[in-house]
């Protein structure tokens, strides 16, 4: 049922939002003439590596010029990228990841290998869940960039506070998750974006 939900929702949104996707692609392209999409290796279900897709929201080669995480005011973010990240529209290309079966609509946000290598044995249980576009932690940490901007060492805070809390939330949610509760999370995500 979960896979059926993923296929149905991803197909519907890819078709319904295709005009918006084309407009966003043009804005990214003409913003600085760089590539439209950004892909990055992430760790997914059972530790398998896959490439996650996003609309590019940062300057070229930004991943080589700083941390894998971003905080509010990061100079690497483009003008168009700021809009995309605020509205979460940079995540739309991940509908393709969902359609391909690499991700789910609802599931833990996949991390880069660097942070996954720091997981404790208990935390690695989260890798038994298929990663998703949104999850309970995404709603709880919807202002993560502002939170990281408020601390002295953003990466240390992310590793010591954000990652453990996100995993705890996801494992707790997964213990009782149903297709209906996934639909509720999708709804809450939509309204959280509107309220941002």
N, C-alpha and C. Protein backbone atom coordinates (compact mmCIF):
# COMPACT_ATOMS: atom_id res chain seq x y z
N UNK A 1 0.82 -1.21 0.00
CA UNK A 1 0.00 0.00 0.00
C UNK A 1 0.86 1.27 0.00
N UNK A 2 1.95 1.23 0.74
CA UNK A 2 2.82 2.40 0.80
C UNK A 2 3.43 2.69 -0.58
N UNK A 3 3.88 1.62 -1.26
CA UNK A 3 4.46 1.80 -2.60
C UNK A 3 3.40 2.30 -3.57
N UNK A 4 2.18 1.83 -3.42
CA UNK A 4 1.08 2.29 -4.28
C UNK A 4 0.83 3.78 -4.05
N UNK A 5 0.85 4.19 -2.78
CA UNK A 5 0.69 5.61 -2.45
C UNK A 5 1.81 6.42 -3.08
N UNK A 6 3.04 5.93 -2.95
CA UNK A 6 4.19 6.65 -3.52
C UNK A 6 4.06 6.82 -5.03
N UNK A 7 3.72 5.75 -5.72
CA UNK A 7 3.58 5.81 -7.17
C UNK A 7 2.44 6.74 -7.58
N UNK A 8 1.33 6.63 -6.90
CA UNK A 8 0.16 7.44 -7.25
C UNK A 8 0.43 8.92 -7.04
N UNK A 9 0.96 9.25 -5.87
CA UNK A 9 1.20 10.66 -5.54
C UNK A 9 2.31 11.25 -6.40
N UNK A 10 3.40 10.51 -6.60
CA UNK A 10 4.52 11.04 -7.39
C UNK A 10 4.11 11.25 -8.85
N UNK A 11 3.38 10.30 -9.42
CA UNK A 11 2.91 10.44 -10.81
C UNK A 11 1.96 11.62 -10.94
N UNK A 12 1.00 11.71 -10.02
CA UNK A 12 0.03 12.81 -10.06
C UNK A 12 0.73 14.16 -9.97
N UNK A 13 1.66 14.30 -9.01
CA UNK A 13 2.33 15.58 -8.81
C UNK A 13 3.26 15.94 -9.96
N UNK A 14 3.95 14.94 -10.52
CA UNK A 14 4.83 15.21 -11.66
C UNK A 14 4.04 15.76 -12.84
N UNK A 15 2.83 15.23 -13.05
CA UNK A 15 1.99 15.72 -14.15
C UNK A 15 1.36 17.06 -13.79
N UNK A 16 0.74 17.12 -12.62
CA UNK A 16 0.01 18.33 -12.22
C UNK A 16 0.92 19.54 -12.06
N UNK A 17 2.14 19.29 -11.57
CA UNK A 17 3.06 20.41 -11.32
C UNK A 17 4.05 20.63 -12.46
N UNK A 18 3.88 19.95 -13.57
CA UNK A 18 4.83 20.08 -14.68
C UNK A 18 4.99 21.53 -15.16
N UNK A 19 3.92 22.34 -15.26
CA UNK A 19 4.14 23.75 -15.64
C UNK A 19 5.01 24.50 -14.64
N UNK A 20 4.76 24.28 -13.35
CA UNK A 20 5.57 24.92 -12.31
C UNK A 20 7.01 24.43 -12.37
N UNK A 21 7.20 23.14 -12.59
CA UNK A 21 8.55 22.58 -12.68
C UNK A 21 9.32 23.21 -13.83
N UNK A 22 8.66 23.42 -14.96
CA UNK A 22 9.31 24.05 -16.12
C UNK A 22 9.69 25.50 -15.82
N UNK A 23 8.80 26.22 -15.14
CA UNK A 23 9.09 27.62 -14.77
C UNK A 23 10.27 27.68 -13.81
N UNK A 24 10.28 26.81 -12.81
CA UNK A 24 11.38 26.80 -11.84
C UNK A 24 12.70 26.43 -12.51
N UNK A 25 12.65 25.47 -13.44
CA UNK A 25 13.85 25.07 -14.17
C UNK A 25 14.41 26.26 -14.95
N UNK A 26 13.52 27.04 -15.59
CA UNK A 26 13.96 28.22 -16.35
C UNK A 26 14.56 29.27 -15.43
N UNK A 27 13.95 29.49 -14.27
CA UNK A 27 14.47 30.48 -13.31
C UNK A 27 15.87 30.11 -12.83
N UNK A 28 16.06 28.82 -12.52
CA UNK A 28 17.37 28.37 -12.06
C UNK A 28 18.41 28.54 -13.17
N UNK A 29 18.02 28.14 -14.39
CA UNK A 29 18.95 28.19 -15.52
C UNK A 29 19.37 29.61 -15.85
N UNK A 30 18.40 30.49 -15.93
CA UNK A 30 18.70 31.86 -16.33
C UNK A 30 19.18 32.72 -15.17
N UNK A 31 19.09 32.19 -13.96
CA UNK A 31 19.57 32.93 -12.80
C UNK A 31 21.07 33.15 -12.86
N UNK A 32 21.82 32.11 -13.22
CA UNK A 32 23.28 32.26 -13.31
C UNK A 32 23.89 31.39 -14.41
N UNK A 33 23.01 30.89 -15.31
CA UNK A 33 23.44 30.08 -16.46
C UNK A 33 24.05 28.74 -16.08
N UNK A 34 23.95 28.36 -14.83
CA UNK A 34 24.50 27.08 -14.39
C UNK A 34 23.52 25.96 -14.63
N UNK A 35 23.86 24.73 -14.20
CA UNK A 35 22.96 23.59 -14.37
C UNK A 35 21.67 23.77 -13.56
N UNK A 36 20.61 23.15 -14.05
CA UNK A 36 19.30 23.26 -13.40
C UNK A 36 19.23 22.40 -12.14
N UNK A 37 19.77 21.21 -12.24
CA UNK A 37 19.64 20.25 -11.14
C UNK A 37 20.95 20.07 -10.38
N UNK A 38 20.80 19.67 -9.15
CA UNK A 38 21.95 19.31 -8.31
C UNK A 38 21.68 17.90 -7.80
N UNK A 39 22.67 17.04 -7.91
CA UNK A 39 22.51 15.69 -7.37
C UNK A 39 23.65 15.40 -6.39
N UNK A 40 23.36 14.57 -5.43
CA UNK A 40 24.34 14.26 -4.40
C UNK A 40 24.13 12.83 -3.93
N UNK A 41 25.21 12.15 -3.62
CA UNK A 41 25.09 10.79 -3.10
C UNK A 41 24.57 10.84 -1.66
N UNK A 42 23.55 10.05 -1.41
CA UNK A 42 23.01 9.91 -0.07
C UNK A 42 22.92 8.43 0.27
N UNK A 43 22.76 8.16 1.55
CA UNK A 43 22.63 6.78 2.02
C UNK A 43 21.16 6.48 2.24
N UNK A 44 20.67 5.46 1.55
CA UNK A 44 19.26 5.13 1.61
C UNK A 44 18.98 3.84 2.35
N UNK A 45 17.94 3.15 1.87
CA UNK A 45 17.44 1.93 2.52
C UNK A 45 18.54 0.89 2.63
N UNK A 46 18.72 0.38 3.85
CA UNK A 46 19.71 -0.64 4.17
C UNK A 46 21.13 -0.25 3.75
N UNK A 47 21.40 1.04 3.84
CA UNK A 47 22.76 1.53 3.60
C UNK A 47 23.14 1.65 2.14
N UNK A 48 22.17 1.50 1.23
CA UNK A 48 22.48 1.59 -0.19
C UNK A 48 22.65 3.05 -0.61
N UNK A 49 23.65 3.29 -1.43
CA UNK A 49 23.90 4.63 -1.93
C UNK A 49 23.03 4.92 -3.15
N UNK A 50 22.49 6.13 -3.21
CA UNK A 50 21.74 6.56 -4.39
C UNK A 50 21.95 8.06 -4.57
N UNK A 51 21.55 8.57 -5.72
CA UNK A 51 21.70 10.00 -5.99
C UNK A 51 20.36 10.69 -5.80
N UNK A 52 20.36 11.67 -4.92
CA UNK A 52 19.16 12.46 -4.67
C UNK A 52 19.19 13.66 -5.61
N UNK A 53 18.02 14.07 -6.10
CA UNK A 53 17.94 15.18 -7.05
C UNK A 53 17.21 16.37 -6.44
N UNK A 54 17.72 17.55 -6.74
CA UNK A 54 17.09 18.79 -6.30
C UNK A 54 17.26 19.84 -7.40
N UNK A 55 16.43 20.88 -7.34
CA UNK A 55 16.74 22.06 -8.13
C UNK A 55 17.95 22.71 -7.48
N UNK A 56 18.90 23.11 -8.28
CA UNK A 56 20.12 23.71 -7.72
C UNK A 56 19.77 25.04 -7.06
N UNK A 57 20.12 25.18 -5.80
CA UNK A 57 19.83 26.40 -5.05
C UNK A 57 21.10 27.11 -4.58
N UNK A 58 22.25 26.51 -4.90
CA UNK A 58 23.52 27.10 -4.46
C UNK A 58 24.44 27.34 -5.66
N UNK A 59 25.44 28.13 -5.45
CA UNK A 59 26.39 28.43 -6.52
C UNK A 59 27.16 27.18 -6.93
N UNK A 60 27.73 27.23 -8.11
CA UNK A 60 28.47 26.08 -8.63
C UNK A 60 29.59 25.67 -7.69
N UNK A 61 29.77 24.37 -7.50
CA UNK A 61 30.83 23.80 -6.67
C UNK A 61 30.73 24.21 -5.19
N UNK A 62 29.53 24.59 -4.75
CA UNK A 62 29.35 25.00 -3.35
C UNK A 62 29.64 23.86 -2.38
N UNK A 63 29.39 22.61 -2.83
CA UNK A 63 29.62 21.47 -1.94
C UNK A 63 31.10 21.26 -1.66
N UNK A 64 31.95 21.91 -2.48
CA UNK A 64 33.40 21.80 -2.27
C UNK A 64 33.93 22.98 -1.46
N UNK A 65 33.04 23.92 -1.14
CA UNK A 65 33.47 25.15 -0.48
C UNK A 65 32.93 25.30 0.94
N UNK A 66 32.34 24.23 1.47
CA UNK A 66 31.79 24.35 2.81
C UNK A 66 31.21 23.05 3.29
N UNK A 67 30.36 23.15 4.32
CA UNK A 67 29.77 21.98 4.94
C UNK A 67 28.66 21.39 4.08
N UNK A 68 28.27 20.16 4.41
CA UNK A 68 27.15 19.51 3.73
C UNK A 68 25.82 20.05 4.22
N UNK A 69 25.84 20.76 5.33
CA UNK A 69 24.63 21.39 5.86
C UNK A 69 24.69 22.88 5.55
N UNK A 70 23.53 23.52 5.57
CA UNK A 70 23.49 24.96 5.33
C UNK A 70 22.74 25.65 6.46
N UNK A 71 23.10 26.88 6.68
CA UNK A 71 22.40 27.66 7.69
C UNK A 71 21.90 28.95 7.07
N UNK A 72 20.97 29.60 7.72
CA UNK A 72 20.39 30.83 7.22
C UNK A 72 21.48 31.86 6.94
N UNK A 73 21.40 32.50 5.78
CA UNK A 73 22.38 33.51 5.42
C UNK A 73 23.61 32.96 4.74
N UNK A 74 23.63 31.66 4.44
CA UNK A 74 24.77 31.04 3.76
C UNK A 74 25.01 31.75 2.43
N UNK A 75 26.22 32.27 2.24
CA UNK A 75 26.54 33.05 1.03
C UNK A 75 26.55 32.21 -0.23
N UNK A 76 26.55 30.89 -0.09
CA UNK A 76 26.56 30.02 -1.27
C UNK A 76 25.19 29.91 -1.94
N UNK A 77 24.14 30.31 -1.23
CA UNK A 77 22.77 30.20 -1.75
C UNK A 77 22.51 31.33 -2.75
N UNK A 78 21.96 30.98 -3.91
CA UNK A 78 21.65 31.97 -4.94
C UNK A 78 20.36 32.71 -4.59
N UNK A 79 20.07 33.78 -5.33
CA UNK A 79 18.84 34.54 -5.10
C UNK A 79 17.62 33.66 -5.34
N UNK A 80 17.61 32.95 -6.47
CA UNK A 80 16.51 32.04 -6.77
C UNK A 80 16.50 30.89 -5.76
N UNK A 81 17.70 30.46 -5.38
CA UNK A 81 17.82 29.35 -4.43
C UNK A 81 17.18 29.66 -3.09
N UNK A 82 17.27 30.90 -2.67
CA UNK A 82 16.67 31.29 -1.39
C UNK A 82 15.16 31.10 -1.43
N UNK A 83 14.55 31.48 -2.54
CA UNK A 83 13.11 31.28 -2.71
C UNK A 83 12.77 29.80 -2.74
N UNK A 84 13.56 29.04 -3.48
CA UNK A 84 13.31 27.61 -3.60
C UNK A 84 13.40 26.91 -2.25
N UNK A 85 14.40 27.27 -1.48
CA UNK A 85 14.62 26.61 -0.19
C UNK A 85 13.56 27.01 0.83
N UNK A 86 13.14 28.27 0.81
CA UNK A 86 12.12 28.75 1.74
C UNK A 86 10.80 28.03 1.52
N UNK A 87 10.46 27.81 0.24
CA UNK A 87 9.19 27.16 -0.11
C UNK A 87 9.32 25.65 -0.24
N UNK A 88 10.55 25.13 -0.11
CA UNK A 88 10.86 23.70 -0.27
C UNK A 88 10.64 23.20 -1.70
N UNK A 89 10.51 24.12 -2.64
CA UNK A 89 10.31 23.73 -4.03
C UNK A 89 11.58 23.14 -4.65
N UNK A 90 12.71 23.35 -3.99
CA UNK A 90 13.95 22.73 -4.50
C UNK A 90 13.89 21.21 -4.41
N UNK A 91 12.97 20.68 -3.59
CA UNK A 91 12.85 19.24 -3.40
C UNK A 91 11.98 18.55 -4.46
N UNK A 92 11.30 19.31 -5.30
CA UNK A 92 10.37 18.72 -6.27
C UNK A 92 10.97 17.63 -7.15
N UNK A 93 12.22 17.78 -7.63
CA UNK A 93 12.78 16.70 -8.46
C UNK A 93 12.89 15.35 -7.76
N UNK A 94 12.78 15.34 -6.44
CA UNK A 94 12.83 14.06 -5.72
C UNK A 94 11.59 13.21 -5.97
N UNK A 95 10.59 13.79 -6.61
CA UNK A 95 9.44 12.99 -7.04
C UNK A 95 9.90 11.91 -8.01
N UNK A 96 10.97 12.19 -8.75
CA UNK A 96 11.54 11.18 -9.65
C UNK A 96 12.19 10.07 -8.83
N UNK A 97 12.89 10.44 -7.75
CA UNK A 97 13.46 9.44 -6.84
C UNK A 97 12.37 8.53 -6.28
N UNK A 98 11.22 9.13 -5.96
CA UNK A 98 10.10 8.35 -5.43
C UNK A 98 9.55 7.42 -6.50
N UNK A 99 9.35 7.96 -7.69
CA UNK A 99 8.83 7.15 -8.80
C UNK A 99 9.74 5.96 -9.09
N UNK A 100 11.06 6.17 -8.99
CA UNK A 100 12.03 5.12 -9.27
C UNK A 100 12.15 4.11 -8.13
N UNK A 101 11.53 4.41 -6.98
CA UNK A 101 11.57 3.48 -5.86
C UNK A 101 12.75 3.67 -4.93
N UNK A 102 13.54 4.72 -5.15
CA UNK A 102 14.70 4.99 -4.30
C UNK A 102 14.30 5.71 -3.02
N UNK A 103 13.16 6.41 -3.08
CA UNK A 103 12.65 7.14 -1.93
C UNK A 103 11.16 6.92 -1.82
N UNK A 104 10.62 7.35 -0.70
CA UNK A 104 9.19 7.31 -0.45
C UNK A 104 8.70 8.75 -0.29
N UNK A 105 7.40 8.96 -0.37
CA UNK A 105 6.89 10.30 -0.10
C UNK A 105 7.14 10.66 1.36
N UNK A 106 6.96 9.67 2.25
CA UNK A 106 7.17 9.90 3.69
C UNK A 106 8.21 8.90 4.20
N UNK A 107 9.26 9.43 4.79
CA UNK A 107 10.33 8.60 5.34
C UNK A 107 11.46 9.49 5.80
N UNK A 108 12.41 8.97 6.55
CA UNK A 108 13.51 9.78 7.06
C UNK A 108 14.29 10.46 5.93
N UNK A 109 14.63 11.70 6.10
CA UNK A 109 15.45 12.38 5.11
C UNK A 109 16.81 11.69 5.04
N UNK A 110 17.28 11.33 3.85
CA UNK A 110 18.55 10.61 3.73
C UNK A 110 19.75 11.52 3.98
N UNK A 111 20.74 10.98 4.66
CA UNK A 111 21.94 11.75 4.99
C UNK A 111 23.10 11.39 4.06
N UNK A 112 24.12 12.24 4.07
CA UNK A 112 25.35 11.94 3.34
C UNK A 112 26.14 10.91 4.15
N UNK A 113 27.05 10.21 3.46
CA UNK A 113 27.80 9.12 4.10
C UNK A 113 28.59 9.60 5.32
N UNK A 114 29.09 10.82 5.26
CA UNK A 114 29.90 11.36 6.36
C UNK A 114 29.15 11.29 7.69
N UNK A 115 27.87 11.66 7.69
CA UNK A 115 27.10 11.68 8.93
C UNK A 115 26.58 10.29 9.29
N UNK A 116 26.26 9.50 8.28
CA UNK A 116 25.79 8.13 8.56
C UNK A 116 26.90 7.31 9.23
N UNK A 117 28.15 7.59 8.86
CA UNK A 117 29.27 6.85 9.45
C UNK A 117 29.40 7.12 10.95
N UNK A 118 28.76 8.19 11.42
CA UNK A 118 28.81 8.54 12.84
C UNK A 118 27.66 7.93 13.64
N UNK A 119 26.72 7.26 12.97
CA UNK A 119 25.57 6.68 13.66
C UNK A 119 26.02 5.61 14.64
N UNK A 120 25.33 5.54 15.76
CA UNK A 120 25.52 4.44 16.70
C UNK A 120 24.78 3.22 16.14
N UNK A 121 25.05 2.02 16.67
CA UNK A 121 24.30 0.84 16.21
C UNK A 121 22.78 1.02 16.31
N UNK A 122 22.31 1.63 17.38
CA UNK A 122 20.87 1.86 17.52
C UNK A 122 20.35 2.85 16.48
N UNK A 123 21.14 3.88 16.21
CA UNK A 123 20.71 4.87 15.23
C UNK A 123 20.66 4.30 13.82
N UNK A 124 21.48 3.29 13.54
CA UNK A 124 21.51 2.69 12.20
C UNK A 124 20.21 1.95 11.88
N UNK A 125 19.36 1.74 12.90
CA UNK A 125 18.06 1.11 12.64
C UNK A 125 17.22 1.96 11.70
N UNK A 126 17.50 3.26 11.65
CA UNK A 126 16.74 4.14 10.77
C UNK A 126 16.98 3.80 9.31
N UNK A 127 18.09 3.13 9.01
CA UNK A 127 18.40 2.74 7.63
C UNK A 127 17.51 1.59 7.15
N UNK A 128 16.75 0.99 8.06
CA UNK A 128 15.80 -0.04 7.65
C UNK A 128 14.52 0.58 7.09
N UNK A 129 14.43 1.90 7.17
CA UNK A 129 13.28 2.62 6.63
C UNK A 129 13.67 3.28 5.30
N UNK A 130 12.79 3.23 4.33
CA UNK A 130 13.08 3.87 3.05
C UNK A 130 13.08 5.39 3.25
N UNK A 131 14.10 6.08 2.77
CA UNK A 131 14.15 7.54 2.95
C UNK A 131 13.01 8.22 2.21
N UNK A 132 12.65 9.41 2.66
CA UNK A 132 11.52 10.10 2.07
C UNK A 132 11.75 11.56 1.79
N UNK A 133 10.76 12.17 1.11
CA UNK A 133 10.80 13.60 0.82
C UNK A 133 10.49 14.39 2.08
N UNK A 134 9.58 13.86 2.88
CA UNK A 134 9.22 14.54 4.13
C UNK A 134 9.02 13.51 5.22
N UNK A 135 9.04 13.97 6.46
CA UNK A 135 8.86 13.10 7.61
C UNK A 135 8.51 13.94 8.82
N UNK A 136 8.29 13.30 9.95
CA UNK A 136 7.95 14.06 11.15
C UNK A 136 9.08 15.00 11.55
N UNK A 137 10.32 14.58 11.31
CA UNK A 137 11.47 15.42 11.66
C UNK A 137 11.54 16.66 10.77
N UNK A 138 11.14 16.54 9.51
CA UNK A 138 11.15 17.69 8.60
C UNK A 138 10.21 18.77 9.11
N UNK A 139 9.10 18.35 9.68
CA UNK A 139 8.13 19.32 10.22
C UNK A 139 8.68 19.92 11.51
N UNK A 140 9.23 19.05 12.37
CA UNK A 140 9.79 19.52 13.65
C UNK A 140 10.96 20.47 13.43
N UNK A 141 11.79 20.18 12.42
CA UNK A 141 12.98 20.98 12.14
C UNK A 141 12.81 21.85 10.90
N UNK A 142 11.60 22.35 10.67
CA UNK A 142 11.36 23.14 9.45
C UNK A 142 12.16 24.44 9.44
N UNK A 143 12.59 24.90 10.61
CA UNK A 143 13.42 26.11 10.68
C UNK A 143 14.88 25.77 11.00
N UNK A 144 15.32 24.63 10.48
CA UNK A 144 16.66 24.14 10.80
C UNK A 144 17.76 25.13 10.40
N UNK A 145 17.64 25.76 9.25
CA UNK A 145 18.69 26.68 8.80
C UNK A 145 18.85 27.85 9.76
N UNK A 146 17.73 28.35 10.28
CA UNK A 146 17.80 29.44 11.26
C UNK A 146 18.39 28.93 12.58
N UNK A 147 18.03 27.71 12.94
CA UNK A 147 18.55 27.10 14.17
C UNK A 147 20.07 26.96 14.09
N UNK A 148 20.56 26.48 12.97
CA UNK A 148 22.00 26.29 12.80
C UNK A 148 22.75 27.62 12.76
N UNK A 149 22.08 28.66 12.28
CA UNK A 149 22.71 29.98 12.23
C UNK A 149 22.85 30.60 13.61
N UNK A 150 22.11 30.06 14.58
CA UNK A 150 22.12 30.64 15.93
C UNK A 150 23.19 30.04 16.84
N UNK A 151 23.91 29.02 16.36
CA UNK A 151 24.92 28.38 17.19
C UNK A 151 26.32 28.67 16.64
N UNK A 152 27.32 28.51 17.50
CA UNK A 152 28.70 28.81 17.10
C UNK A 152 29.26 27.79 16.13
N UNK A 153 29.08 26.51 16.45
CA UNK A 153 29.60 25.44 15.59
C UNK A 153 28.41 24.66 15.03
N UNK A 154 27.98 25.04 13.82
CA UNK A 154 26.77 24.46 13.23
C UNK A 154 26.89 22.96 13.02
N UNK A 155 28.03 22.49 12.54
CA UNK A 155 28.17 21.07 12.26
C UNK A 155 28.16 20.24 13.55
N UNK A 156 28.86 20.71 14.57
CA UNK A 156 28.88 19.98 15.84
C UNK A 156 27.48 19.91 16.43
N UNK A 157 26.74 21.00 16.34
CA UNK A 157 25.37 21.03 16.85
C UNK A 157 24.49 20.10 16.04
N UNK A 158 24.67 20.08 14.74
CA UNK A 158 23.87 19.22 13.86
C UNK A 158 24.09 17.75 14.22
N UNK A 159 25.35 17.38 14.42
CA UNK A 159 25.69 15.99 14.73
C UNK A 159 25.23 15.59 16.13
N UNK A 160 25.41 16.47 17.09
CA UNK A 160 25.12 16.11 18.48
C UNK A 160 23.65 16.28 18.86
N UNK A 161 22.95 17.19 18.18
CA UNK A 161 21.56 17.47 18.56
C UNK A 161 20.55 17.08 17.48
N UNK A 162 20.75 17.61 16.27
CA UNK A 162 19.74 17.43 15.21
C UNK A 162 19.62 15.97 14.76
N UNK A 163 20.74 15.34 14.44
CA UNK A 163 20.69 13.96 13.94
C UNK A 163 20.05 13.01 14.95
N UNK A 164 20.48 12.99 16.21
CA UNK A 164 19.85 12.07 17.18
C UNK A 164 18.35 12.31 17.35
N UNK A 165 17.96 13.58 17.39
CA UNK A 165 16.54 13.91 17.57
C UNK A 165 15.73 13.48 16.36
N UNK A 166 16.26 13.72 15.16
CA UNK A 166 15.55 13.32 13.94
C UNK A 166 15.36 11.80 13.88
N UNK A 167 16.42 11.06 14.20
CA UNK A 167 16.34 9.60 14.18
C UNK A 167 15.33 9.11 15.21
N UNK A 168 15.36 9.69 16.39
CA UNK A 168 14.41 9.31 17.45
C UNK A 168 12.97 9.53 16.98
N UNK A 169 12.71 10.68 16.37
CA UNK A 169 11.36 10.99 15.88
C UNK A 169 10.92 10.00 14.81
N UNK A 170 11.84 9.67 13.90
CA UNK A 170 11.49 8.78 12.80
C UNK A 170 11.26 7.34 13.25
N UNK A 171 12.09 6.86 14.16
CA UNK A 171 11.91 5.50 14.65
C UNK A 171 10.61 5.38 15.45
N UNK A 172 10.31 6.40 16.21
CA UNK A 172 9.07 6.39 16.99
C UNK A 172 7.86 6.42 16.05
N UNK A 173 7.94 7.24 15.01
CA UNK A 173 6.84 7.32 14.04
C UNK A 173 6.67 6.00 13.29
N UNK A 174 7.79 5.42 12.86
CA UNK A 174 7.74 4.20 12.05
C UNK A 174 7.12 3.03 12.81
N UNK A 175 7.23 3.04 14.14
CA UNK A 175 6.71 1.93 14.95
C UNK A 175 5.20 1.78 14.82
N UNK A 176 4.51 2.87 14.50
CA UNK A 176 3.05 2.81 14.41
C UNK A 176 2.52 3.39 13.09
N UNK A 177 3.41 3.60 12.13
CA UNK A 177 3.02 4.26 10.88
C UNK A 177 2.07 3.41 10.05
N UNK A 178 1.14 4.08 9.39
CA UNK A 178 0.21 3.45 8.44
C UNK A 178 0.16 4.34 7.20
N UNK A 179 -0.50 3.86 6.16
CA UNK A 179 -0.68 4.68 4.96
C UNK A 179 -1.45 5.95 5.33
N UNK A 180 -2.44 5.81 6.20
CA UNK A 180 -3.22 6.98 6.62
C UNK A 180 -2.34 8.00 7.34
N UNK A 181 -1.48 7.53 8.23
CA UNK A 181 -0.62 8.47 8.96
C UNK A 181 0.38 9.14 8.01
N UNK A 182 0.79 8.42 6.95
CA UNK A 182 1.65 9.04 5.94
C UNK A 182 0.92 10.18 5.23
N UNK A 183 -0.36 9.97 4.92
CA UNK A 183 -1.16 11.01 4.28
C UNK A 183 -1.27 12.22 5.21
N UNK A 184 -1.42 11.96 6.51
CA UNK A 184 -1.49 13.05 7.49
C UNK A 184 -0.18 13.85 7.50
N UNK A 185 0.96 13.15 7.44
CA UNK A 185 2.26 13.83 7.42
C UNK A 185 2.40 14.68 6.16
N UNK A 186 1.94 14.17 5.02
CA UNK A 186 1.98 14.94 3.78
C UNK A 186 1.14 16.22 3.92
N UNK A 187 -0.02 16.09 4.55
CA UNK A 187 -0.87 17.25 4.77
C UNK A 187 -0.22 18.25 5.71
N UNK A 188 0.36 17.77 6.79
CA UNK A 188 1.03 18.66 7.74
C UNK A 188 2.21 19.37 7.10
N UNK A 189 2.93 18.66 6.23
CA UNK A 189 4.06 19.26 5.53
C UNK A 189 3.59 20.41 4.64
N UNK A 190 2.51 20.17 3.90
CA UNK A 190 1.96 21.18 3.01
C UNK A 190 1.58 22.43 3.79
N UNK A 191 0.87 22.26 4.92
CA UNK A 191 0.44 23.42 5.69
C UNK A 191 1.61 24.10 6.40
N UNK A 192 2.65 23.32 6.76
CA UNK A 192 3.84 23.92 7.39
C UNK A 192 4.55 24.82 6.40
N UNK A 193 4.58 24.41 5.12
CA UNK A 193 5.22 25.22 4.07
C UNK A 193 4.41 26.51 3.86
N UNK A 194 3.08 26.38 3.82
CA UNK A 194 2.24 27.56 3.63
C UNK A 194 2.38 28.55 4.78
N UNK A 195 2.59 28.03 5.98
CA UNK A 195 2.68 28.89 7.16
C UNK A 195 4.05 29.51 7.32
N UNK A 196 5.04 29.04 6.56
CA UNK A 196 6.44 29.48 6.72
C UNK A 196 6.59 30.95 6.32
